[in-house]
Amino acid sequence: MNQTNTVFICALAIISFGYFLKYKNIITEKEGKVISKLLMHTTFPALIIVTMMRVHLESKLLLLPIISLCFSIFSMLTAAWFFKRQGSKLRALLIMGSGGFNLGLFAYPLIEGIWGPAGMVYAAMFDLGNSLAIFGLVYGTGVFLSDKKEGVTVKENIKNAFLKIITLVPLQALLIGMIINLSHFELPTIVVEILDILARGNKVIALLIMGIYLNMPLNSKTFQQVSKVLAIRYFWGLTLGFLCFYFLPFEPLYRHVLLIVLIIPVGMALLPFSDELAYDTKIAGMLVNISMLISFALMWALVLGLKLA
């Protein structure tokens, strides 16, 4: 069987198994959040560290976080104009849903399976800009437009977003990996082996969590708005992706991974943000879940159709 098909079929099987565990009430969504938190503080940062400490860092990698930020800026500005006649709370949520990606739980397992550690380097650097977009642009927009903003200054909003960014464990792991790489510091062998073991566990845990989180609440009243947000996201994702794919003067792997990460689903952070700021969590959940299904199918089609692997 084709290696690409093997990766996606195995991923689909593990995601389905995670959904089955939730369907049978063996693991609840609440318990899935605990597992997700465990992943974000153990296997995920370990994977980031071992990836970044072994890569040959080049200046062209700095373009990746910039492209990631550009996507969220273009997409969110488009949504702000498109939904300008919506009610303030719904408009805020739809704008938030237009920015940011779900790289940690969705993209990393697939990219690692298709392109290995070499592909992970580009994804990790892209995720640097994504972290700034999620906790700067997406969260900042939510706070600024929220009914809860009374008594909170713009300076405090910026400070809170900045603190969230610098305390992100995956982001700290990325910086640690880069420091180790640039300083040529040699970690003790036992530490490297422990990190490798943890990193190898990230893929299966992340895919199981995707299945546990998968939920398809069908509501015709909100589906129309959700579909418009997704149309904006995939328009900008595919537009930027194909422009970079055909015109960037870099090696094929760089351009292949970049095309794929630009069509990743809505970030999972939208769910806790919506809950915290008293927005409609059902709409947020629909955005996350529908985009997950679309992105999975679109990734599979692009990788096979364009022979990216």
C-alpha atoms as a PDB file:
ATOM      1  CA  MET A   1       0.000   0.000   0.000  1.00  0.00           C
ATOM      2  CA  ASN A   2       1.158   3.562  -0.727  1.00  0.00           C
ATOM      3  CA  GLN A   3       2.983   5.055   2.286  1.00  0.00           C
ATOM      4  CA  THR A   4       0.767   8.163   2.264  1.00  0.00           C
ATOM      5  CA  ASN A   5      -2.415   6.061   2.275  1.00  0.00           C
ATOM      6  CA  THR A   6      -0.987   3.978   5.104  1.00  0.00           C
ATOM      7  CA  VAL A   7      -0.360   7.090   7.223  1.00  0.00           C
ATOM      8  CA  PHE A   8      -3.849   8.504   6.687  1.00  0.00           C
ATOM      9  CA  ILE A   9      -5.658   5.174   7.082  1.00  0.00           C
ATOM     10  CA  CYS A  10      -3.785   4.430  10.324  1.00  0.00           C
ATOM     11  CA  ALA A  11      -4.525   7.942  11.571  1.00  0.00           C
ATOM     12  CA  LEU A  12      -8.204   7.571  10.671  1.00  0.00           C
ATOM     13  CA  ALA A  13      -8.340   4.220  12.494  1.00  0.00           C
ATOM     14  CA  ILE A  14      -6.836   5.677  15.682  1.00  0.00           C
ATOM     15  CA  ILE A  15      -9.120   8.740  15.536  1.00  0.00           C
ATOM     16  CA  SER A  16     -12.116   6.428  15.062  1.00  0.00           C
ATOM     17  CA  PHE A  17     -10.992   4.350  18.025  1.00  0.00           C
ATOM     18  CA  GLY A  18     -10.816   7.493  20.155  1.00  0.00           C
ATOM     19  CA  TYR A  19     -14.344   8.396  19.065  1.00  0.00           C
ATOM     20  CA  PHE A  20     -15.478   4.839  19.860  1.00  0.00           C
ATOM     21  CA  LEU A  21     -14.044   5.141  23.384  1.00  0.00           C
ATOM     22  CA  LYS A  22     -16.068   8.325  23.890  1.00  0.00           C
ATOM     23  CA  TYR A  23     -19.191   6.828  22.271  1.00  0.00           C
ATOM     24  CA  LYS A  24     -19.051   3.871  24.685  1.00  0.00           C
ATOM     25  CA  ASN A  25     -18.458   6.287  27.565  1.00  0.00           C
ATOM     26  CA  ILE A  26     -15.156   4.564  28.385  1.00  0.00           C
ATOM     27  CA  ILE A  27     -13.464   7.965  28.185  1.00  0.00           C
ATOM     28  CA  THR A  28     -15.468  11.174  28.442  1.00  0.00           C
ATOM     29  CA  GLU A  29     -14.664  14.497  26.806  1.00  0.00           C
ATOM     30  CA  LYS A  30     -13.832  15.870  30.244  1.00  0.00           C
ATOM     31  CA  GLU A  31     -11.221  13.146  30.701  1.00  0.00           C
ATOM     32  CA  GLY A  32     -10.006  13.886  27.178  1.00  0.00           C
ATOM     33  CA  LYS A  33      -9.197  17.422  28.307  1.00  0.00           C
ATOM     34  CA  VAL A  34      -6.994  15.977  31.063  1.00  0.00           C
ATOM     35  CA  ILE A  35      -5.192  13.762  28.520  1.00  0.00           C
ATOM     36  CA  SER A  36      -4.812  16.765  26.213  1.00  0.00           C
ATOM     37  CA  LYS A  37      -3.260  18.783  29.026  1.00  0.00           C
ATOM     38  CA  LEU A  38      -0.887  15.896  29.757  1.00  0.00           C
ATOM     39  CA  LEU A  39       0.140  15.761  26.094  1.00  0.00           C
ATOM     40  CA  MET A  40       0.758  19.514  25.896  1.00  0.00           C
ATOM     41  CA  HIS A  41       3.081  19.320  28.920  1.00  0.00           C
ATOM     42  CA  THR A  42       4.956  16.069  28.163  1.00  0.00           C
ATOM     43  CA  THR A  43       5.052  14.346  24.756  1.00  0.00           C
ATOM     44  CA  PHE A  44       4.402  17.452  22.652  1.00  0.00           C
ATOM     45  CA  PRO A  45       7.192  19.649  24.101  1.00  0.00           C
ATOM     46  CA  ALA A  46       9.544  16.635  24.027  1.00  0.00           C
ATOM     47  CA  LEU A  47       8.830  16.243  20.309  1.00  0.00           C
ATOM     48  CA  ILE A  48       9.476  19.955  19.723  1.00  0.00           C
ATOM     49  CA  ILE A  49      12.782  19.892  21.630  1.00  0.00           C
ATOM     50  CA  VAL A  50      14.227  16.842  19.858  1.00  0.00           C
ATOM     51  CA  THR A  51      13.101  18.231  16.501  1.00  0.00           C
ATOM     52  CA  MET A  52      14.609  21.689  16.928  1.00  0.00           C
ATOM     53  CA  MET A  53      17.856  20.576  18.584  1.00  0.00           C
ATOM     54  CA  ARG A  54      18.743  18.381  15.603  1.00  0.00           C
ATOM     55  CA  VAL A  55      17.806  20.646  12.705  1.00  0.00           C
ATOM     56  CA  HIS A  56      20.134  22.802  10.641  1.00  0.00           C
ATOM     57  CA  LEU A  57      18.726  26.272  11.368  1.00  0.00           C
ATOM     58  CA  GLU A  58      18.626  28.593   8.369  1.00  0.00           C
ATOM     59  CA  SER A  59      17.379  32.146   7.838  1.00  0.00           C
ATOM     60  CA  LYS A  60      14.651  30.958   5.452  1.00  0.00           C
ATOM     61  CA  LEU A  61      12.899  29.275   8.399  1.00  0.00           C
ATOM     62  CA  LEU A  62      12.081  32.731   9.789  1.00  0.00           C
ATOM     63  CA  LEU A  63       9.668  33.244   6.891  1.00  0.00           C
ATOM     64  CA  LEU A  64       7.386  30.487   8.204  1.00  0.00           C
ATOM     65  CA  PRO A  65       6.065  32.269  11.350  1.00  0.00           C
ATOM     66  CA  ILE A  66       5.570  35.411   9.247  1.00  0.00           C
ATOM     67  CA  ILE A  67       3.415  33.510   6.728  1.00  0.00           C
ATOM     68  CA  SER A  68       1.474  31.961   9.614  1.00  0.00           C
ATOM     69  CA  LEU A  69       0.733  35.399  11.065  1.00  0.00           C
ATOM     70  CA  CYS A  70      -0.188  36.771   7.620  1.00  0.00           C
ATOM     71  CA  PHE A  71      -2.826  34.063   7.191  1.00  0.00           C
ATOM     72  CA  SER A  72      -4.560  34.995  10.461  1.00  0.00           C
ATOM     73  CA  ILE A  73      -4.372  38.719   9.700  1.00  0.00           C
ATOM     74  CA  PHE A  74      -5.848  38.343   6.194  1.00  0.00           C
ATOM     75  CA  SER A  75      -8.488  35.835   7.273  1.00  0.00           C
ATOM     76  CA  MET A  76      -9.626  37.756  10.358  1.00  0.00           C
ATOM     77  CA  LEU A  77      -9.791  41.087   8.495  1.00  0.00           C
ATOM     78  CA  THR A  78     -11.881  39.425   5.787  1.00  0.00           C
ATOM     79  CA  ALA A  79     -14.209  37.972   8.433  1.00  0.00           C
ATOM     80  CA  ALA A  80     -14.473  41.355  10.208  1.00  0.00           C
ATOM     81  CA  TRP A  81     -15.701  42.917   6.958  1.00  0.00           C
ATOM     82  CA  PHE A  82     -17.882  39.969   5.965  1.00  0.00           C
ATOM     83  CA  PHE A  83     -19.700  39.750   9.309  1.00  0.00           C
ATOM     84  CA  LYS A  84     -19.905  43.483  10.047  1.00  0.00           C
ATOM     85  CA  ARG A  85     -23.727  43.358  10.237  1.00  0.00           C
ATOM     86  CA  GLN A  86     -23.860  40.466  12.707  1.00  0.00           C
ATOM     87  CA  GLY A  87     -24.545  40.923  16.409  1.00  0.00           C
ATOM     88  CA  SER A  88     -21.448  41.898  18.378  1.00  0.00           C
ATOM     89  CA  LYS A  89     -20.973  38.599  20.221  1.00  0.00           C
ATOM     90  CA  LEU A  90     -21.539  36.389  17.187  1.00  0.00           C
ATOM     91  CA  ARG A  91     -19.342  38.657  15.045  1.00  0.00           C
ATOM     92  CA  ALA A  92     -16.520  38.443  17.591  1.00  0.00           C
ATOM     93  CA  LEU A  93     -16.668  34.637  17.689  1.00  0.00           C
ATOM     94  CA  LEU A  94     -16.747  34.297  13.894  1.00  0.00           C
ATOM     95  CA  ILE A  95     -13.742  36.605  13.564  1.00  0.00           C
ATOM     96  CA  MET A  96     -11.882  34.598  16.223  1.00  0.00           C
ATOM     97  CA  GLY A  97     -12.675  31.356  14.403  1.00  0.00           C
ATOM     98  CA  SER A  98     -11.104  32.748  11.234  1.00  0.00           C
ATOM     99  CA  GLY A  99      -7.597  32.869  12.716  1.00  0.00           C
ATOM    100  CA  GLY A 100      -5.148  30.327  14.130  1.00  0.00           C
ATOM    101  CA  PHE A 101      -4.500  26.646  13.456  1.00  0.00           C
ATOM    102  CA  ASN A 102      -4.651  23.326  15.306  1.00  0.00           C
ATOM    103  CA  LEU A 103      -1.102  22.141  14.675  1.00  0.00           C
ATOM    104  CA  GLY A 104      -0.366  20.417  17.983  1.00  0.00           C
ATOM    105  CA  LEU A 105      -3.200  17.887  18.074  1.00  0.00           C
ATOM    106  CA  PHE A 106      -4.026  17.633  14.386  1.00  0.00           C
ATOM    107  CA  ALA A 107      -1.118  18.398  12.064  1.00  0.00           C
ATOM    108  CA  TYR A 108       1.932  17.153  13.940  1.00  0.00           C
ATOM    109  CA  PRO A 109       1.011  13.434  13.961  1.00  0.00           C
ATOM    110  CA  LEU A 110       0.234  13.473  10.232  1.00  0.00           C
ATOM    111  CA  ILE A 111       3.244  15.552   9.209  1.00  0.00           C
ATOM    112  CA  GLU A 112       5.560  13.392  11.294  1.00  0.00           C
ATOM    113  CA  GLY A 113       4.088  10.249   9.717  1.00  0.00           C
ATOM    114  CA  ILE A 114       4.399  11.536   6.143  1.00  0.00           C
ATOM    115  CA  TRP A 115       7.670  13.502   6.183  1.00  0.00           C
ATOM    116  CA  GLY A 116       9.323  12.494   9.457  1.00  0.00           C
ATOM    117  CA  PRO A 117      11.556  14.806  11.553  1.00  0.00           C
ATOM    118  CA  ALA A 118      12.545  16.863   8.496  1.00  0.00           C
ATOM    119  CA  GLY A 119       8.937  17.933   7.926  1.00  0.00           C
ATOM    120  CA  MET A 120       8.424  18.610  11.621  1.00  0.00           C
ATOM    121  CA  VAL A 121      11.042  21.362  11.527  1.00  0.00           C
ATOM    122  CA  TYR A 122       8.971  23.456   9.141  1.00  0.00           C
ATOM    123  CA  ALA A 123       5.763  22.745  11.042  1.00  0.00           C
ATOM    124  CA  ALA A 124       7.341  23.782  14.364  1.00  0.00           C
ATOM    125  CA  MET A 125       8.600  27.079  12.955  1.00  0.00           C
ATOM    126  CA  PHE A 126       5.189  27.749  11.393  1.00  0.00           C
ATOM    127  CA  ASP A 127       3.656  27.043  14.805  1.00  0.00           C
ATOM    128  CA  LEU A 128       5.747  29.827  16.327  1.00  0.00           C
ATOM    129  CA  GLY A 129       3.764  32.384  14.342  1.00  0.00           C
ATOM    130  CA  ASN A 130       0.584  30.440  15.030  1.00  0.00           C
ATOM    131  CA  SER A 131       1.111  30.780  18.798  1.00  0.00           C
ATOM    132  CA  LEU A 132       1.454  34.547  18.413  1.00  0.00           C
ATOM    133  CA  ALA A 133      -1.694  34.623  16.268  1.00  0.00           C
ATOM    134  CA  ILE A 134      -3.793  32.550  18.669  1.00  0.00           C
ATOM    135  CA  PHE A 135      -2.868  34.343  21.873  1.00  0.00           C
ATOM    136  CA  GLY A 136      -2.308  37.745  20.325  1.00  0.00           C
ATOM    137  CA  LEU A 137      -4.776  38.210  17.477  1.00  0.00           C
ATOM    138  CA  VAL A 138      -7.479  35.617  18.253  1.00  0.00           C
ATOM    139  CA  TYR A 139      -7.584  35.930  22.042  1.00  0.00           C
ATOM    140  CA  GLY A 140      -6.930  39.672  21.894  1.00  0.00           C
ATOM    141  CA  THR A 141      -9.853  40.161  19.515  1.00  0.00           C
ATOM    142  CA  GLY A 142     -12.103  38.102  21.768  1.00  0.00           C
ATOM    143  CA  VAL A 143     -11.183  40.113  24.841  1.00  0.00           C
ATOM    144  CA  PHE A 144     -11.481  43.456  23.050  1.00  0.00           C
ATOM    145  CA  LEU A 145     -14.955  42.689  21.688  1.00  0.00           C
ATOM    146  CA  SER A 146     -16.227  40.843  24.748  1.00  0.00           C
ATOM    147  CA  ASP A 147     -18.901  42.209  27.070  1.00  0.00           C
ATOM    148  CA  LYS A 148     -16.455  41.453  29.887  1.00  0.00           C
ATOM    149  CA  LYS A 149     -13.965  44.070  28.782  1.00  0.00           C
ATOM    150  CA  GLU A 150     -15.351  46.806  31.070  1.00  0.00           C
ATOM    151  CA  GLY A 151     -12.750  47.929  33.572  1.00  0.00           C
ATOM    152  CA  VAL A 152      -9.929  46.225  31.676  1.00  0.00           C
ATOM    153  CA  THR A 153      -7.563  48.545  29.846  1.00  0.00           C
ATOM    154  CA  VAL A 154      -6.010  47.832  26.470  1.00  0.00           C
ATOM    155  CA  LYS A 155      -2.620  47.722  28.203  1.00  0.00           C
ATOM    156  CA  GLU A 156      -3.870  44.994  30.551  1.00  0.00           C
ATOM    157  CA  ASN A 157      -5.303  43.022  27.617  1.00  0.00           C
ATOM    158  CA  ILE A 158      -1.937  43.154  25.839  1.00  0.00           C
ATOM    159  CA  LYS A 159      -0.141  42.148  29.033  1.00  0.00           C
ATOM    160  CA  ASN A 160      -2.470  39.173  29.598  1.00  0.00           C
ATOM    161  CA  ALA A 161      -2.041  37.965  26.013  1.00  0.00           C
ATOM    162  CA  PHE A 162       1.748  38.350  26.246  1.00  0.00           C
ATOM    163  CA  LEU A 163       1.866  36.360  29.479  1.00  0.00           C
ATOM    164  CA  LYS A 164      -0.172  33.573  27.889  1.00  0.00           C
ATOM    165  CA  ILE A 165       2.235  33.438  24.954  1.00  0.00           C
ATOM    166  CA  ILE A 166       5.475  33.289  26.958  1.00  0.00           C
ATOM    167  CA  THR A 167       4.091  30.699  29.395  1.00  0.00           C
ATOM    168  CA  LEU A 168       3.091  28.265  26.621  1.00  0.00           C
ATOM    169  CA  VAL A 169       5.038  25.073  27.291  1.00  0.00           C
ATOM    170  CA  PRO A 170       5.325  24.098  23.579  1.00  0.00           C
ATOM    171  CA  LEU A 171       6.666  27.576  22.765  1.00  0.00           C
ATOM    172  CA  GLN A 172       9.177  27.338  25.603  1.00  0.00           C
ATOM    173  CA  ALA A 173      10.186  23.907  24.288  1.00  0.00           C
ATOM    174  CA  LEU A 174      10.760  25.375  20.820  1.00  0.00           C
ATOM    175  CA  LEU A 175      13.012  28.089  22.264  1.00  0.00           C
ATOM    176  CA  ILE A 176      14.910  25.547  24.398  1.00  0.00           C
ATOM    177  CA  GLY A 177      15.491  23.338  21.363  1.00  0.00           C
ATOM    178  CA  MET A 178      16.750  26.303  19.346  1.00  0.00           C
ATOM    179  CA  ILE A 179      19.091  27.423  22.155  1.00  0.00           C
ATOM    180  CA  ILE A 180      20.532  23.908  22.462  1.00  0.00           C
ATOM    181  CA  ASN A 181      20.983  23.810  18.694  1.00  0.00           C
ATOM    182  CA  LEU A 182      22.631  27.219  18.334  1.00  0.00           C
ATOM    183  CA  SER A 183      24.879  26.800  21.384  1.00  0.00           C
ATOM    184  CA  HIS A 184      25.924  23.277  20.290  1.00  0.00           C
ATOM    185  CA  PHE A 185      25.232  22.116  23.838  1.00  0.00           C
ATOM    186  CA  GLU A 186      25.331  18.344  24.263  1.00  0.00           C
ATOM    187  CA  LEU A 187      22.578  16.952  26.475  1.00  0.00           C
ATOM    188  CA  PRO A 188      23.412  13.829  28.510  1.00  0.00           C
ATOM    189  CA  THR A 189      22.588  10.659  26.570  1.00  0.00           C
ATOM    190  CA  ILE A 190      20.015   9.525  29.140  1.00  0.00           C
ATOM    191  CA  VAL A 191      18.146  12.840  28.807  1.00  0.00           C
ATOM    192  CA  VAL A 192      18.060  12.535  25.007  1.00  0.00           C
ATOM    193  CA  GLU A 193      16.764   8.956  25.248  1.00  0.00           C
ATOM    194  CA  ILE A 194      13.981  10.025  27.647  1.00  0.00           C
ATOM    195  CA  LEU A 195      12.986  12.872  25.318  1.00  0.00           C
ATOM    196  CA  ASP A 196      12.950  10.478  22.350  1.00  0.00           C
ATOM    197  CA  ILE A 197      10.678   8.037  24.197  1.00  0.00           C
ATOM    198  CA  LEU A 198       8.262  10.813  25.138  1.00  0.00           C
ATOM    199  CA  ALA A 199       8.331  12.231  21.594  1.00  0.00           C
ATOM    200  CA  ARG A 200       7.416   8.871  20.066  1.00  0.00           C
ATOM    201  CA  GLY A 201       4.301   8.745  22.239  1.00  0.00           C
ATOM    202  CA  ASN A 202       2.943  12.054  20.952  1.00  0.00           C
ATOM    203  CA  LYS A 203       1.469  10.754  17.686  1.00  0.00           C
ATOM    204  CA  VAL A 204      -0.908   8.115  19.034  1.00  0.00           C
ATOM    205  CA  ILE A 205      -2.046  10.220  22.007  1.00  0.00           C
ATOM    206  CA  ALA A 206      -2.790  13.220  19.776  1.00  0.00           C
ATOM    207  CA  LEU A 207      -4.822  11.113  17.329  1.00  0.00           C
ATOM    208  CA  LEU A 208      -6.822   9.504  20.140  1.00  0.00           C
ATOM    209  CA  ILE A 209      -7.613  12.943  21.567  1.00  0.00           C
ATOM    210  CA  MET A 210      -8.876  14.081  18.160  1.00  0.00           C
ATOM    211  CA  GLY A 211     -11.360  11.201  18.204  1.00  0.00           C
ATOM    212  CA  ILE A 212     -12.408  11.914  21.781  1.00  0.00           C
ATOM    213  CA  TYR A 213     -13.061  15.574  20.939  1.00  0.00           C
ATOM    214  CA  LEU A 214     -14.876  14.806  17.679  1.00  0.00           C
ATOM    215  CA  ASN A 215     -18.469  15.933  17.940  1.00  0.00           C
ATOM    216  CA  MET A 216     -20.895  16.970  15.220  1.00  0.00           C
ATOM    217  CA  PRO A 217     -23.780  19.033  16.618  1.00  0.00           C
ATOM    218  CA  LEU A 218     -25.926  19.803  13.566  1.00  0.00           C
ATOM    219  CA  ASN A 219     -27.759  23.096  13.827  1.00  0.00           C
ATOM    220  CA  SER A 220     -28.993  24.588  10.572  1.00  0.00           C
ATOM    221  CA  LYS A 221     -29.199  28.104  12.051  1.00  0.00           C
ATOM    222  CA  THR A 222     -25.505  28.255  12.839  1.00  0.00           C
ATOM    223  CA  PHE A 223     -24.179  25.995  10.082  1.00  0.00           C
ATOM    224  CA  GLN A 224     -24.557  28.765   7.495  1.00  0.00           C
ATOM    225  CA  GLN A 225     -22.366  31.152   9.503  1.00  0.00           C
ATOM    226  CA  VAL A 226     -19.846  28.412  10.245  1.00  0.00           C
ATOM    227  CA  SER A 227     -19.615  27.512   6.548  1.00  0.00           C
ATOM    228  CA  LYS A 228     -18.819  31.144   5.695  1.00  0.00           C
ATOM    229  CA  VAL A 229     -15.983  31.227   8.229  1.00  0.00           C
ATOM    230  CA  LEU A 230     -14.583  27.992   6.818  1.00  0.00           C
ATOM    231  CA  ALA A 231     -14.879  29.332   3.260  1.00  0.00           C
ATOM    232  CA  ILE A 232     -12.785  32.356   4.294  1.00  0.00           C
ATOM    233  CA  ARG A 233     -10.188  30.174   6.031  1.00  0.00           C
ATOM    234  CA  TYR A 234      -9.747  27.718   3.173  1.00  0.00           C
ATOM    235  CA  PHE A 235      -9.755  30.511   0.576  1.00  0.00           C
ATOM    236  CA  TRP A 236      -6.820  32.261   2.245  1.00  0.00           C
ATOM    237  CA  GLY A 237      -5.130  28.995   3.192  1.00  0.00           C
ATOM    238  CA  LEU A 238      -5.199  27.599  -0.332  1.00  0.00           C
ATOM    239  CA  THR A 239      -4.373  30.969  -1.917  1.00  0.00           C
ATOM    240  CA  LEU A 240      -1.293  31.559   0.241  1.00  0.00           C
ATOM    241  CA  GLY A 241      -0.402  27.882   0.112  1.00  0.00           C
ATOM    242  CA  PHE A 242      -0.359  27.633  -3.668  1.00  0.00           C
ATOM    243  CA  LEU A 243       1.424  30.974  -4.075  1.00  0.00           C
ATOM    244  CA  CYS A 244       4.179  29.717  -1.774  1.00  0.00           C
ATOM    245  CA  PHE A 245       4.119  26.266  -3.351  1.00  0.00           C
ATOM    246  CA  TYR A 246       4.738  27.558  -6.868  1.00  0.00           C
ATOM    247  CA  PHE A 247       6.810  30.700  -6.292  1.00  0.00           C
ATOM    248  CA  LEU A 248       9.035  30.289  -3.213  1.00  0.00           C
ATOM    249  CA  PRO A 249      12.620  29.476  -4.290  1.00  0.00           C
ATOM    250  CA  PHE A 250      13.105  26.815  -1.608  1.00  0.00           C
ATOM    251  CA  GLU A 251      13.431  23.033  -1.600  1.00  0.00           C
ATOM    252  CA  PRO A 252      10.305  20.948  -2.299  1.00  0.00           C
ATOM    253  CA  LEU A 253       9.844  19.722   1.297  1.00  0.00           C
ATOM    254  CA  TYR A 254       9.671  23.305   2.601  1.00  0.00           C
ATOM    255  CA  ARG A 255       6.950  24.179   0.075  1.00  0.00           C
ATOM    256  CA  HIS A 256       5.081  20.888   0.504  1.00  0.00           C
ATOM    257  CA  VAL A 257       4.756  21.219   4.273  1.00  0.00           C
ATOM    258  CA  LEU A 258       3.848  24.912   3.992  1.00  0.00           C
ATOM    259  CA  LEU A 259       0.993  24.133   1.595  1.00  0.00           C
ATOM    260  CA  ILE A 260      -0.379  21.572   4.041  1.00  0.00           C
ATOM    261  CA  VAL A 261      -0.078  23.584   7.275  1.00  0.00           C
ATOM    262  CA  LEU A 262      -2.034  26.438   5.687  1.00  0.00           C
ATOM    263  CA  ILE A 263      -5.166  24.244   5.471  1.00  0.00           C
ATOM    264  CA  ILE A 264      -5.069  22.980   9.062  1.00  0.00           C
ATOM    265  CA  PRO A 265      -8.328  23.146  11.125  1.00  0.00           C
ATOM    266  CA  VAL A 266      -9.461  25.842  13.549  1.00  0.00           C
ATOM    267  CA  GLY A 267      -7.347  25.879  16.713  1.00  0.00           C
ATOM    268  CA  MET A 268      -8.676  23.968  19.728  1.00  0.00           C
ATOM    269  CA  ALA A 269      -7.945  27.067  21.834  1.00  0.00           C
ATOM    270  CA  LEU A 270     -11.143  28.596  20.425  1.00  0.00           C
ATOM    271  CA  LEU A 271     -13.161  26.356  22.785  1.00  0.00           C
ATOM    272  CA  PRO A 272     -11.672  27.552  26.111  1.00  0.00           C
ATOM    273  CA  PHE A 273     -11.539  31.128  24.797  1.00  0.00           C
ATOM    274  CA  SER A 274     -15.262  31.018  23.969  1.00  0.00           C
ATOM    275  CA  ASP A 275     -16.084  29.587  27.377  1.00  0.00           C
ATOM    276  CA  GLU A 276     -13.975  32.184  29.205  1.00  0.00           C
ATOM    277  CA  LEU A 277     -15.421  35.137  27.289  1.00  0.00           C
ATOM    278  CA  ALA A 278     -19.054  33.913  27.376  1.00  0.00           C
ATOM    279  CA  TYR A 279     -19.368  33.320  23.621  1.00  0.00           C
ATOM    280  CA  ASP A 280     -21.399  30.501  22.064  1.00  0.00           C
ATOM    281  CA  THR A 281     -19.328  27.346  22.663  1.00  0.00           C
ATOM    282  CA  LYS A 282     -21.593  25.275  20.384  1.00  0.00           C
ATOM    283  CA  ILE A 283     -20.625  27.400  17.394  1.00  0.00           C
ATOM    284  CA  ALA A 284     -16.982  27.206  18.436  1.00  0.00           C
ATOM    285  CA  GLY A 285     -17.249  23.423  18.688  1.00  0.00           C
ATOM    286  CA  MET A 286     -18.881  23.179  15.266  1.00  0.00           C
ATOM    287  CA  LEU A 287     -16.096  25.285  13.730  1.00  0.00           C
ATOM    288  CA  VAL A 288     -13.408  23.057  15.253  1.00  0.00           C
ATOM    289  CA  ASN A 289     -15.034  19.751  14.342  1.00  0.00           C
ATOM    290  CA  ILE A 290     -16.194  20.480  10.795  1.00  0.00           C
ATOM    291  CA  SER A 291     -12.846  22.035   9.910  1.00  0.00           C
ATOM    292  CA  MET A 292     -11.125  18.926  11.292  1.00  0.00           C
ATOM    293  CA  LEU A 293     -13.020  16.662   8.895  1.00  0.00           C
ATOM    294  CA  ILE A 294     -12.499  18.989   5.905  1.00  0.00           C
ATOM    295  CA  SER A 295      -8.779  19.426   6.584  1.00  0.00           C
ATOM    296  CA  PHE A 296      -8.202  15.693   6.984  1.00  0.00           C
ATOM    297  CA  ALA A 297      -9.811  14.966   3.608  1.00  0.00           C
ATOM    298  CA  LEU A 298      -8.144  17.943   1.920  1.00  0.00           C
ATOM    299  CA  MET A 299      -4.697  17.028   3.230  1.00  0.00           C
ATOM    300  CA  TRP A 300      -5.077  13.460   2.004  1.00  0.00           C
ATOM    301  CA  ALA A 301      -6.221  14.641  -1.441  1.00  0.00           C
ATOM    302  CA  LEU A 302      -3.423  17.205  -1.827  1.00  0.00           C
ATOM    303  CA  VAL A 303      -0.637  14.883  -0.676  1.00  0.00           C
ATOM    304  CA  LEU A 304      -1.774  12.176  -3.093  1.00  0.00           C
ATOM    305  CA  GLY A 305      -2.893  14.423  -5.956  1.00  0.00           C
ATOM    306  CA  LEU A 306       0.249  16.591  -6.021  1.00  0.00           C
ATOM    307  CA  LYS A 307       2.571  13.736  -4.996  1.00  0.00           C
ATOM    308  CA  LEU A 308       3.902  15.728  -2.036  1.00  0.00           C
ATOM    309  CA  ALA A 309       5.340  12.674  -0.272  1.00  0.00           C
END
